[in-house]
Amino acid sequence: MAKPELEFFPAADVPFTPCAGVVPSLSERILASAGAGVATRLLRFAPNTDTSPNGVQVHDFWEEVFILEGSITDLSLDRTFSAGSYACRPPGMQHGPWRSEQGCLTFEVRYR
């Protein structure tokens, strides 16, 4: 299944919704999806978000992430990444959990 064909539209027309898991201050704006790990989204960490309850993340899909605003700290690596930073994670790569004191907005592309 492929993502839908979409011409330019205001991304702000798509609401942020809570992410799966138990961290209510983590939300996503799904811009396009084909289900099962295939999506383009904005991920928002509200100020003082801590994703420790979700644990270390491991996916069975590729994930590319670009930080648009703010910063996040990978608690496993004890490293902080800020706006302008980019990651490309192959299936099986461990990452997180994360903490963001000031908040953070990322642009993500996930695919198989």
PDB file of N, CA and C in Angstrom:
ATOM      1  N   MET A   1       0.850  -1.181   0.000  1.00  0.00           N
ATOM      2  CA  MET A   1       0.000   0.000   0.000  1.00  0.00           C
ATOM      3  C   MET A   1       0.888   1.233   0.000  1.00  0.00           C
ATOM      4  N   ALA A   2       0.571   2.197  -0.837  1.00  0.00           N
ATOM      5  CA  ALA A   2       1.351   3.424  -0.948  1.00  0.00           C
ATOM      6  C   ALA A   2       0.652   4.560  -0.211  1.00  0.00           C
ATOM      7  N   LYS A   3       1.424   5.585   0.098  1.00  0.00           N
ATOM      8  CA  LYS A   3       0.824   6.786   0.679  1.00  0.00           C
ATOM      9  C   LYS A   3      -0.105   7.411  -0.364  1.00  0.00           C
ATOM     10  N   PRO A   4      -1.091   8.193   0.095  1.00  0.00           N
ATOM     11  CA  PRO A   4      -2.010   8.819  -0.845  1.00  0.00           C
ATOM     12  C   PRO A   4      -1.333   9.935  -1.628  1.00  0.00           C
ATOM     13  N   GLU A   5      -1.862  10.210  -2.795  1.00  0.00           N
ATOM     14  CA  GLU A   5      -1.405  11.352  -3.583  1.00  0.00           C
ATOM     15  C   GLU A   5      -2.020  12.608  -2.972  1.00  0.00           C
ATOM     16  N   LEU A   6      -1.183  13.553  -2.584  1.00  0.00           N
ATOM     17  CA  LEU A   6      -1.652  14.788  -1.954  1.00  0.00           C
ATOM     18  C   LEU A   6      -0.931  15.975  -2.585  1.00  0.00           C
ATOM     19  N   GLU A   7      -1.679  16.966  -3.015  1.00  0.00           N
ATOM     20  CA  GLU A   7      -1.080  18.213  -3.486  1.00  0.00           C
ATOM     21  C   GLU A   7      -0.909  19.112  -2.264  1.00  0.00           C
ATOM     22  N   PHE A   8      -0.186  20.214  -2.417  1.00  0.00           N
ATOM     23  CA  PHE A   8       0.034  21.118  -1.285  1.00  0.00           C
ATOM     24  C   PHE A   8      -1.269  21.430  -0.566  1.00  0.00           C
ATOM     25  N   PHE A   9      -1.195  21.409   0.746  1.00  0.00           N
ATOM     26  CA  PHE A   9      -2.323  21.784   1.600  1.00  0.00           C
ATOM     27  C   PHE A   9      -1.744  22.326   2.894  1.00  0.00           C
ATOM     28  N   PRO A  10      -2.503  23.128   3.627  1.00  0.00           N
ATOM     29  CA  PRO A  10      -1.985  23.657   4.897  1.00  0.00           C
ATOM     30  C   PRO A  10      -1.829  22.530   5.923  1.00  0.00           C
ATOM     31  N   ALA A  11      -0.608  22.253   6.308  1.00  0.00           N
ATOM     32  CA  ALA A  11      -0.355  21.197   7.286  1.00  0.00           C
ATOM     33  C   ALA A  11      -1.098  21.479   8.596  1.00  0.00           C
ATOM     34  N   ALA A  12      -1.292  22.752   8.908  1.00  0.00           N
ATOM     35  CA  ALA A  12      -1.998  23.114  10.138  1.00  0.00           C
ATOM     36  C   ALA A  12      -3.455  22.648  10.129  1.00  0.00           C
ATOM     37  N   ASP A  13      -3.986  22.276   8.961  1.00  0.00           N
ATOM     38  CA  ASP A  13      -5.353  21.745   8.896  1.00  0.00           C
ATOM     39  C   ASP A  13      -5.448  20.348   9.500  1.00  0.00           C
ATOM     40  N   VAL A  14      -4.320  19.687   9.661  1.00  0.00           N
ATOM     41  CA  VAL A  14      -4.292  18.353  10.261  1.00  0.00           C
ATOM     42  C   VAL A  14      -4.013  18.532  11.753  1.00  0.00           C
ATOM     43  N   PRO A  15      -4.893  18.076  12.611  1.00  0.00           N
ATOM     44  CA  PRO A  15      -4.680  18.292  14.055  1.00  0.00           C
ATOM     45  C   PRO A  15      -3.579  17.408  14.616  1.00  0.00           C
ATOM     46  N   PHE A  16      -2.963  17.877  15.689  1.00  0.00           N
ATOM     47  CA  PHE A  16      -2.073  17.038  16.478  1.00  0.00           C
ATOM     48  C   PHE A  16      -2.951  16.113  17.315  1.00  0.00           C
ATOM     49  N   THR A  17      -2.558  14.845  17.391  1.00  0.00           N
ATOM     50  CA  THR A  17      -3.281  13.867  18.191  1.00  0.00           C
ATOM     51  C   THR A  17      -2.288  13.176  19.124  1.00  0.00           C
ATOM     52  N   PRO A  18      -2.754  12.647  20.253  1.00  0.00           N
ATOM     53  CA  PRO A  18      -1.842  11.960  21.177  1.00  0.00           C
ATOM     54  C   PRO A  18      -1.177  10.768  20.500  1.00  0.00           C
ATOM     55  N   CYS A  19       0.086  10.562  20.810  1.00  0.00           N
ATOM     56  CA  CYS A  19       0.816   9.399  20.304  1.00  0.00           C
ATOM     57  C   CYS A  19       0.447   8.164  21.111  1.00  0.00           C
ATOM     58  N   ALA A  20       0.680   7.005  20.533  1.00  0.00           N
ATOM     59  CA  ALA A  20       0.497   5.754  21.268  1.00  0.00           C
ATOM     60  C   ALA A  20       1.465   5.732  22.444  1.00  0.00           C
ATOM     61  N   GLY A  21       1.094   5.073  23.499  1.00  0.00           N
ATOM     62  CA  GLY A  21       1.929   5.032  24.694  1.00  0.00           C
ATOM     63  C   GLY A  21       1.270   5.783  25.832  1.00  0.00           C
ATOM     64  N   VAL A  22       2.035   6.024  26.882  1.00  0.00           N
ATOM     65  CA  VAL A  22       1.475   6.607  28.102  1.00  0.00           C
ATOM     66  C   VAL A  22       2.026   7.989  28.401  1.00  0.00           C
ATOM     67  N   VAL A  23       2.548   8.681  27.384  1.00  0.00           N
ATOM     68  CA  VAL A  23       3.123  10.017  27.578  1.00  0.00           C
ATOM     69  C   VAL A  23       2.181  11.033  26.931  1.00  0.00           C
ATOM     70  N   PRO A  24       1.297  11.654  27.714  1.00  0.00           N
ATOM     71  CA  PRO A  24       0.290  12.542  27.137  1.00  0.00           C
ATOM     72  C   PRO A  24       0.851  13.819  26.504  1.00  0.00           C
ATOM     73  N   SER A  25       2.079  14.198  26.839  1.00  0.00           N
ATOM     74  CA  SER A  25       2.663  15.428  26.295  1.00  0.00           C
ATOM     75  C   SER A  25       3.392  15.193  24.973  1.00  0.00           C
ATOM     76  N   LEU A  26       3.241  14.006  24.396  1.00  0.00           N
ATOM     77  CA  LEU A  26       3.834  13.660  23.109  1.00  0.00           C
ATOM     78  C   LEU A  26       2.702  13.521  22.099  1.00  0.00           C
ATOM     79  N   SER A  27       2.730  14.337  21.033  1.00  0.00           N
ATOM     80  CA  SER A  27       1.649  14.297  20.052  1.00  0.00           C
ATOM     81  C   SER A  27       2.208  14.323  18.638  1.00  0.00           C
ATOM     82  N   GLU A  28       1.366  13.912  17.693  1.00  0.00           N
ATOM     83  CA  GLU A  28       1.796  13.815  16.308  1.00  0.00           C
ATOM     84  C   GLU A  28       0.755  14.407  15.372  1.00  0.00           C
ATOM     85  N   ARG A  29       1.246  14.910  14.251  1.00  0.00           N
ATOM     86  CA  ARG A  29       0.403  15.400  13.160  1.00  0.00           C
ATOM     87  C   ARG A  29       0.754  14.517  11.963  1.00  0.00           C
ATOM     88  N   ILE A  30      -0.096  13.530  11.651  1.00  0.00           N
ATOM     89  CA  ILE A  30       0.156  12.613  10.546  1.00  0.00           C
ATOM     90  C   ILE A  30      -0.211  13.325   9.243  1.00  0.00           C
ATOM     91  N   LEU A  31       0.795  13.572   8.415  1.00  0.00           N
ATOM     92  CA  LEU A  31       0.569  14.268   7.145  1.00  0.00           C
ATOM     93  C   LEU A  31       0.182  13.299   6.033  1.00  0.00           C
ATOM     94  N   ALA A  32       0.760  12.113   6.043  1.00  0.00           N
ATOM     95  CA  ALA A  32       0.421  11.069   5.073  1.00  0.00           C
ATOM     96  C   ALA A  32       0.790   9.730   5.699  1.00  0.00           C
ATOM     97  N   SER A  33      -0.025   8.720   5.402  1.00  0.00           N
ATOM     98  CA  SER A  33       0.239   7.414   5.992  1.00  0.00           C
ATOM     99  C   SER A  33      -0.249   6.317   5.058  1.00  0.00           C
ATOM    100  N   ALA A  34       0.426   5.200   5.134  1.00  0.00           N
ATOM    101  CA  ALA A  34      -0.022   3.991   4.442  1.00  0.00           C
ATOM    102  C   ALA A  34      -0.132   2.854   5.454  1.00  0.00           C
ATOM    103  N   GLY A  35      -0.146   3.203   6.743  1.00  0.00           N
ATOM    104  CA  GLY A  35      -0.270   2.209   7.799  1.00  0.00           C
ATOM    105  C   GLY A  35       0.996   1.397   7.990  1.00  0.00           C
ATOM    106  N   ALA A  36       1.019   0.582   9.021  1.00  0.00           N
ATOM    107  CA  ALA A  36       2.100  -0.370   9.309  1.00  0.00           C
ATOM    108  C   ALA A  36       3.492   0.240   9.194  1.00  0.00           C
ATOM    109  N   GLY A  37       3.722   1.361   9.870  1.00  0.00           N
ATOM    110  CA  GLY A  37       5.060   1.948   9.919  1.00  0.00           C
ATOM    111  C   GLY A  37       5.422   2.821   8.741  1.00  0.00           C
ATOM    112  N   VAL A  38       4.484   3.145   7.864  1.00  0.00           N
ATOM    113  CA  VAL A  38       4.752   4.016   6.724  1.00  0.00           C
ATOM    114  C   VAL A  38       3.994   5.320   6.943  1.00  0.00           C
ATOM    115  N   ALA A  39       4.736   6.393   7.236  1.00  0.00           N
ATOM    116  CA  ALA A  39       4.076   7.664   7.523  1.00  0.00           C
ATOM    117  C   ALA A  39       5.051   8.825   7.397  1.00  0.00           C
ATOM    118  N   THR A  40       4.477   9.979   7.152  1.00  0.00           N
ATOM    119  CA  THR A  40       5.188  11.251   7.247  1.00  0.00           C
ATOM    120  C   THR A  40       4.446  12.047   8.310  1.00  0.00           C
ATOM    121  N   ARG A  41       5.185  12.548   9.304  1.00  0.00           N
ATOM    122  CA  ARG A  41       4.511  13.204  10.412  1.00  0.00           C
ATOM    123  C   ARG A  41       5.384  14.289  11.030  1.00  0.00           C
ATOM    124  N   LEU A  42       4.718  15.150  11.788  1.00  0.00           N
ATOM    125  CA  LEU A  42       5.377  16.063  12.705  1.00  0.00           C
ATOM    126  C   LEU A  42       5.165  15.481  14.094  1.00  0.00           C
ATOM    127  N   LEU A  43       6.225  15.421  14.876  1.00  0.00           N
ATOM    128  CA  LEU A  43       6.144  14.908  16.245  1.00  0.00           C
ATOM    129  C   LEU A  43       6.463  16.056  17.189  1.00  0.00           C
ATOM    130  N   ARG A  44       5.568  16.288  18.144  1.00  0.00           N
ATOM    131  CA  ARG A  44       5.729  17.421  19.068  1.00  0.00           C
ATOM    132  C   ARG A  44       5.918  16.923  20.497  1.00  0.00           C
ATOM    133  N   PHE A  45       7.019  17.366  21.089  1.00  0.00           N
ATOM    134  CA  PHE A  45       7.295  17.157  22.507  1.00  0.00           C
ATOM    135  C   PHE A  45       6.926  18.461  23.206  1.00  0.00           C
ATOM    136  N   ALA A  46       5.922  18.456  24.044  1.00  0.00           N
ATOM    137  CA  ALA A  46       5.601  19.652  24.821  1.00  0.00           C
ATOM    138  C   ALA A  46       6.751  19.903  25.796  1.00  0.00           C
ATOM    139  N   PRO A  47       6.902  21.134  26.294  1.00  0.00           N
ATOM    140  CA  PRO A  47       7.951  21.371  27.296  1.00  0.00           C
ATOM    141  C   PRO A  47       7.834  20.384  28.463  1.00  0.00           C
ATOM    142  N   ASN A  48       8.979  19.917  28.917  1.00  0.00           N
ATOM    143  CA  ASN A  48       9.107  18.974  30.038  1.00  0.00           C
ATOM    144  C   ASN A  48       8.593  17.561  29.738  1.00  0.00           C
ATOM    145  N   THR A  49       8.551  17.197  28.462  1.00  0.00           N
ATOM    146  CA  THR A  49       8.172  15.831  28.097  1.00  0.00           C
ATOM    147  C   THR A  49       9.307  14.877  28.444  1.00  0.00           C
ATOM    148  N   ASP A  50       8.949  13.731  29.001  1.00  0.00           N
ATOM    149  CA  ASP A  50       9.895  12.654  29.287  1.00  0.00           C
ATOM    150  C   ASP A  50       9.246  11.353  28.803  1.00  0.00           C
ATOM    151  N   THR A  51       9.859  10.712  27.812  1.00  0.00           N
ATOM    152  CA  THR A  51       9.277   9.500  27.253  1.00  0.00           C
ATOM    153  C   THR A  51       9.779   8.224  27.928  1.00  0.00           C
ATOM    154  N   SER A  52      10.405   8.345  29.081  1.00  0.00           N
ATOM    155  CA  SER A  52      10.910   7.165  29.792  1.00  0.00           C
ATOM    156  C   SER A  52       9.855   6.075  29.987  1.00  0.00           C
ATOM    157  N   PRO A  53       8.578   6.421  30.269  1.00  0.00           N
ATOM    158  CA  PRO A  53       7.585   5.354  30.417  1.00  0.00           C
ATOM    159  C   PRO A  53       7.411   4.494  29.157  1.00  0.00           C
ATOM    160  N   ASN A  54       7.730   5.046  27.986  1.00  0.00           N
ATOM    161  CA  ASN A  54       7.641   4.271  26.740  1.00  0.00           C
ATOM    162  C   ASN A  54       8.876   3.407  26.509  1.00  0.00           C
ATOM    163  N   GLY A  55       9.947   3.664  27.263  1.00  0.00           N
ATOM    164  CA  GLY A  55      11.167   2.872  27.147  1.00  0.00           C
ATOM    165  C   GLY A  55      11.960   3.158  25.880  1.00  0.00           C
ATOM    166  N   VAL A  56      12.956   2.333  25.642  1.00  0.00           N
ATOM    167  CA  VAL A  56      13.773   2.412  24.434  1.00  0.00           C
ATOM    168  C   VAL A  56      12.898   2.000  23.251  1.00  0.00           C
ATOM    169  N   GLN A  57      13.028   2.721  22.141  1.00  0.00           N
ATOM    170  CA  GLN A  57      12.235   2.439  20.946  1.00  0.00           C
ATOM    171  C   GLN A  57      13.044   1.628  19.942  1.00  0.00           C
ATOM    172  N   VAL A  58      12.398   0.655  19.330  1.00  0.00           N
ATOM    173  CA  VAL A  58      12.968  -0.145  18.248  1.00  0.00           C
ATOM    174  C   VAL A  58      11.839  -0.386  17.246  1.00  0.00           C
ATOM    175  N   HIS A  59      12.091  -0.064  15.973  1.00  0.00           N
ATOM    176  CA  HIS A  59      11.072  -0.213  14.935  1.00  0.00           C
ATOM    177  C   HIS A  59      11.503  -1.255  13.914  1.00  0.00           C
ATOM    178  N   ASP A  60      10.525  -1.794  13.184  1.00  0.00           N
ATOM    179  CA  ASP A  60      10.829  -2.701  12.081  1.00  0.00           C
ATOM    180  C   ASP A  60      10.744  -1.964  10.741  1.00  0.00           C
ATOM    181  N   PHE A  61      10.906  -0.643  10.779  1.00  0.00           N
ATOM    182  CA  PHE A  61      10.876   0.191   9.581  1.00  0.00           C
ATOM    183  C   PHE A  61      11.971   1.244   9.679  1.00  0.00           C
ATOM    184  N   TRP A  62      12.291   1.863   8.551  1.00  0.00           N
ATOM    185  CA  TRP A  62      13.240   2.977   8.518  1.00  0.00           C
ATOM    186  C   TRP A  62      12.568   4.218   9.087  1.00  0.00           C
ATOM    187  N   GLU A  63      13.371   5.077   9.709  1.00  0.00           N
ATOM    188  CA  GLU A  63      12.857   6.330  10.268  1.00  0.00           C
ATOM    189  C   GLU A  63      13.913   7.414  10.051  1.00  0.00           C
ATOM    190  N   GLU A  64      13.513   8.477   9.376  1.00  0.00           N
ATOM    191  CA  GLU A  64      14.377   9.645   9.212  1.00  0.00           C
ATOM    192  C   GLU A  64      13.741  10.789   9.982  1.00  0.00           C
ATOM    193  N   VAL A  65      14.569  11.499  10.760  1.00  0.00           N
ATOM    194  CA  VAL A  65      14.068  12.545  11.654  1.00  0.00           C
ATOM    195  C   VAL A  65      14.908  13.802  11.492  1.00  0.00           C
ATOM    196  N   PHE A  66      14.232  14.938  11.348  1.00  0.00           N
ATOM    197  CA  PHE A  66      14.898  16.243  11.291  1.00  0.00           C
ATOM    198  C   PHE A  66      14.276  17.112  12.375  1.00  0.00           C
ATOM    199  N   ILE A  67      15.093  17.683  13.245  1.00  0.00           N
ATOM    200  CA  ILE A  67      14.577  18.543  14.318  1.00  0.00           C
ATOM    201  C   ILE A  67      14.370  19.942  13.765  1.00  0.00           C
ATOM    202  N   LEU A  68      13.116  20.387  13.794  1.00  0.00           N
ATOM    203  CA  LEU A  68      12.745  21.706  13.284  1.00  0.00           C
ATOM    204  C   LEU A  68      12.909  22.804  14.330  1.00  0.00           C
ATOM    205  N   GLU A  69      12.491  22.504  15.550  1.00  0.00           N
ATOM    206  CA  GLU A  69      12.506  23.492  16.639  1.00  0.00           C
ATOM    207  C   GLU A  69      12.864  22.808  17.949  1.00  0.00           C
ATOM    208  N   GLY A  70      13.513  23.548  18.837  1.00  0.00           N
ATOM    209  CA  GLY A  70      13.785  23.061  20.186  1.00  0.00           C
ATOM    210  C   GLY A  70      14.899  22.032  20.228  1.00  0.00           C
ATOM    211  N   SER A  71      14.829  21.165  21.245  1.00  0.00           N
ATOM    212  CA  SER A  71      15.855  20.135  21.418  1.00  0.00           C
ATOM    213  C   SER A  71      15.283  18.963  22.202  1.00  0.00           C
ATOM    214  N   ILE A  72      15.943  17.803  22.043  1.00  0.00           N
ATOM    215  CA  ILE A  72      15.621  16.604  22.796  1.00  0.00           C
ATOM    216  C   ILE A  72      16.921  15.965  23.274  1.00  0.00           C
ATOM    217  N   THR A  73      16.844  15.327  24.424  1.00  0.00           N
ATOM    218  CA  THR A  73      17.989  14.610  24.975  1.00  0.00           C
ATOM    219  C   THR A  73      17.699  13.124  24.935  1.00  0.00           C
ATOM    220  N   ASP A  74      18.595  12.360  24.293  1.00  0.00           N
ATOM    221  CA  ASP A  74      18.496  10.904  24.306  1.00  0.00           C
ATOM    222  C   ASP A  74      19.063  10.452  25.647  1.00  0.00           C
ATOM    223  N   LEU A  75      18.215   9.918  26.512  1.00  0.00           N
ATOM    224  CA  LEU A  75      18.634   9.550  27.861  1.00  0.00           C
ATOM    225  C   LEU A  75      19.585   8.357  27.870  1.00  0.00           C
ATOM    226  N   SER A  76      19.487   7.469  26.890  1.00  0.00           N
ATOM    227  CA  SER A  76      20.415   6.335  26.809  1.00  0.00           C
ATOM    228  C   SER A  76      21.815   6.788  26.421  1.00  0.00           C
ATOM    229  N   LEU A  77      21.892   7.756  25.512  1.00  0.00           N
ATOM    230  CA  LEU A  77      23.183   8.266  25.040  1.00  0.00           C
ATOM    231  C   LEU A  77      23.705   9.417  25.885  1.00  0.00           C
ATOM    232  N   ASP A  78      22.814  10.027  26.686  1.00  0.00           N
ATOM    233  CA  ASP A  78      23.137  11.236  27.446  1.00  0.00           C
ATOM    234  C   ASP A  78      23.670  12.327  26.509  1.00  0.00           C
ATOM    235  N   ARG A  79      22.941  12.504  25.389  1.00  0.00           N
ATOM    236  CA  ARG A  79      23.311  13.525  24.399  1.00  0.00           C
ATOM    237  C   ARG A  79      22.077  14.323  24.017  1.00  0.00           C
ATOM    238  N   THR A  80      22.275  15.630  23.835  1.00  0.00           N
ATOM    239  CA  THR A  80      21.184  16.520  23.443  1.00  0.00           C
ATOM    240  C   THR A  80      21.359  16.902  21.986  1.00  0.00           C
ATOM    241  N   PHE A  81      20.245  16.867  21.255  1.00  0.00           N
ATOM    242  CA  PHE A  81      20.222  17.214  19.841  1.00  0.00           C
ATOM    243  C   PHE A  81      19.241  18.368  19.648  1.00  0.00           C
ATOM    244  N   SER A  82      19.626  19.357  18.838  1.00  0.00           N
ATOM    245  CA  SER A  82      18.811  20.563  18.699  1.00  0.00           C
ATOM    246  C   SER A  82      18.434  20.806  17.242  1.00  0.00           C
ATOM    247  N   ALA A  83      17.669  21.871  17.020  1.00  0.00           N
ATOM    248  CA  ALA A  83      17.178  22.228  15.692  1.00  0.00           C
ATOM    249  C   ALA A  83      18.309  22.176  14.678  1.00  0.00           C
ATOM    250  N   GLY A  84      18.014  21.556  13.538  1.00  0.00           N
ATOM    251  CA  GLY A  84      19.000  21.384  12.487  1.00  0.00           C
ATOM    252  C   GLY A  84      19.660  20.020  12.505  1.00  0.00           C
ATOM    253  N   SER A  85      19.439  19.228  13.566  1.00  0.00           N
ATOM    254  CA  SER A  85      20.024  17.886  13.659  1.00  0.00           C
ATOM    255  C   SER A  85      19.159  16.888  12.893  1.00  0.00           C
ATOM    256  N   TYR A  86      19.822  15.864  12.366  1.00  0.00           N
ATOM    257  CA  TYR A  86      19.162  14.859  11.535  1.00  0.00           C
ATOM    258  C   TYR A  86      19.598  13.463  11.970  1.00  0.00           C
ATOM    259  N   ALA A  87      18.672  12.496  11.898  1.00  0.00           N
ATOM    260  CA  ALA A  87      18.985  11.092  12.174  1.00  0.00           C
ATOM    261  C   ALA A  87      18.347  10.222  11.098  1.00  0.00           C
ATOM    262  N   CYS A  88      19.027   9.142  10.730  1.00  0.00           N
ATOM    263  CA  CYS A  88      18.496   8.130   9.823  1.00  0.00           C
ATOM    264  C   CYS A  88      18.664   6.790  10.527  1.00  0.00           C
ATOM    265  N   ARG A  89      17.536   6.178  10.904  1.00  0.00           N
ATOM    266  CA  ARG A  89      17.568   4.960  11.708  1.00  0.00           C
ATOM    267  C   ARG A  89      17.061   3.767  10.914  1.00  0.00           C
ATOM    268  N   PRO A  90      17.910   2.762  10.713  1.00  0.00           N
ATOM    269  CA  PRO A  90      17.454   1.550  10.029  1.00  0.00           C
ATOM    270  C   PRO A  90      16.587   0.704  10.957  1.00  0.00           C
ATOM    271  N   PRO A  91      15.846  -0.246  10.409  1.00  0.00           N
ATOM    272  CA  PRO A  91      15.064  -1.148  11.258  1.00  0.00           C
ATOM    273  C   PRO A  91      15.968  -1.803  12.308  1.00  0.00           C
ATOM    274  N   GLY A  92      15.471  -1.869  13.542  1.00  0.00           N
ATOM    275  CA  GLY A  92      16.199  -2.514  14.626  1.00  0.00           C
ATOM    276  C   GLY A  92      17.104  -1.603  15.431  1.00  0.00           C
ATOM    277  N   MET A  93      17.308  -0.353  15.001  1.00  0.00           N
ATOM    278  CA  MET A  93      18.184   0.565  15.738  1.00  0.00           C
ATOM    279  C   MET A  93      17.474   1.065  16.999  1.00  0.00           C
ATOM    280  N   GLN A  94      18.123   0.918  18.144  1.00  0.00           N
ATOM    281  CA  GLN A  94      17.556   1.401  19.407  1.00  0.00           C
ATOM    282  C   GLN A  94      17.771   2.907  19.519  1.00  0.00           C
ATOM    283  N   HIS A  95      16.762   3.603  20.094  1.00  0.00           N
ATOM    284  CA  HIS A  95      16.876   5.040  20.350  1.00  0.00           C
ATOM    285  C   HIS A  95      15.922   5.432  21.474  1.00  0.00           C
ATOM    286  N   GLY A  96      16.308   6.514  22.160  1.00  0.00           N
ATOM    287  CA  GLY A  96      15.514   6.971  23.289  1.00  0.00           C
ATOM    288  C   GLY A  96      15.778   6.110  24.523  1.00  0.00           C
ATOM    289  N   PRO A  97      14.996   6.360  25.559  1.00  0.00           N
ATOM    290  CA  PRO A  97      13.932   7.350  25.679  1.00  0.00           C
ATOM    291  C   PRO A  97      14.467   8.783  25.643  1.00  0.00           C
ATOM    292  N   TRP A  98      13.539   9.723  25.525  1.00  0.00           N
ATOM    293  CA  TRP A  98      13.868  11.134  25.310  1.00  0.00           C
ATOM    294  C   TRP A  98      13.308  12.024  26.413  1.00  0.00           C
ATOM    295  N   ARG A  99      13.987  13.154  26.604  1.00  0.00           N
ATOM    296  CA  ARG A  99      13.468  14.216  27.467  1.00  0.00           C
ATOM    297  C   ARG A  99      13.657  15.529  26.725  1.00  0.00           C
ATOM    298  N   SER A 100      12.662  16.417  26.845  1.00  0.00           N
ATOM    299  CA  SER A 100      12.764  17.743  26.241  1.00  0.00           C
ATOM    300  C   SER A 100      12.281  18.773  27.245  1.00  0.00           C
ATOM    301  N   GLU A 101      13.212  19.565  27.753  1.00  0.00           N
ATOM    302  CA  GLU A 101      12.837  20.585  28.736  1.00  0.00           C
ATOM    303  C   GLU A 101      12.108  21.753  28.091  1.00  0.00           C
ATOM    304  N   GLN A 102      12.591  22.217  26.942  1.00  0.00           N
ATOM    305  CA  GLN A 102      11.996  23.402  26.304  1.00  0.00           C
ATOM    306  C   GLN A 102      10.935  23.052  25.274  1.00  0.00           C
ATOM    307  N   GLY A 103      10.813  21.772  24.930  1.00  0.00           N
ATOM    308  CA  GLY A 103       9.910  21.345  23.877  1.00  0.00           C
ATOM    309  C   GLY A 103      10.684  21.128  22.582  1.00  0.00           C
ATOM    310  N   CYS A 104      10.068  20.409  21.664  1.00  0.00           N
ATOM    311  CA  CYS A 104      10.747  20.066  20.420  1.00  0.00           C
ATOM    312  C   CYS A 104       9.709  19.726  19.365  1.00  0.00           C
ATOM    313  N   LEU A 105      10.024  20.052  18.110  1.00  0.00           N
ATOM    314  CA  LEU A 105       9.182  19.681  16.975  1.00  0.00           C
ATOM    315  C   LEU A 105      10.074  19.018  15.939  1.00  0.00           C
ATOM    316  N   THR A 106       9.708  17.802  15.533  1.00  0.00           N
ATOM    317  CA  THR A 106      10.490  17.085  14.525  1.00  0.00           C
ATOM    318  C   THR A 106       9.630  16.781  13.304  1.00  0.00           C
ATOM    319  N   PHE A 107      10.305  16.617  12.173  1.00  0.00           N
ATOM    320  CA  PHE A 107       9.681  16.154  10.929  1.00  0.00           C
ATOM    321  C   PHE A 107      10.222  14.753  10.698  1.00  0.00           C
ATOM    322  N   GLU A 108       9.325  13.780  10.509  1.00  0.00           N
ATOM    323  CA  GLU A 108       9.744  12.394  10.388  1.00  0.00           C
ATOM    324  C   GLU A 108       9.147  11.746   9.137  1.00  0.00           C
ATOM    325  N   VAL A 109       9.965  10.900   8.516  1.00  0.00           N
ATOM    326  CA  VAL A 109       9.515  10.071   7.406  1.00  0.00           C
ATOM    327  C   VAL A 109       9.835   8.629   7.790  1.00  0.00           C
ATOM    328  N   ARG A 110       8.805   7.794   7.764  1.00  0.00           N
ATOM    329  CA  ARG A 110       8.945   6.376   8.109  1.00  0.00           C
ATOM    330  C   ARG A 110       8.538   5.543   6.902  1.00  0.00           C
ATOM    331  N   TYR A 111       9.340   4.509   6.621  1.00  0.00           N
ATOM    332  CA  TYR A 111       9.046   3.675   5.445  1.00  0.00           C
ATOM    333  C   TYR A 111       9.650   2.298   5.611  1.00  0.00           C
ATOM    334  N   ARG A 112       9.195   1.382   4.793  1.00  0.00           N
ATOM    335  CA  ARG A 112       9.691  -0.009   4.793  1.00  0.00           C
ATOM    336  C   ARG A 112      10.582  -0.234   3.599  1.00  0.00           C
TER     337      ARG A 112
END
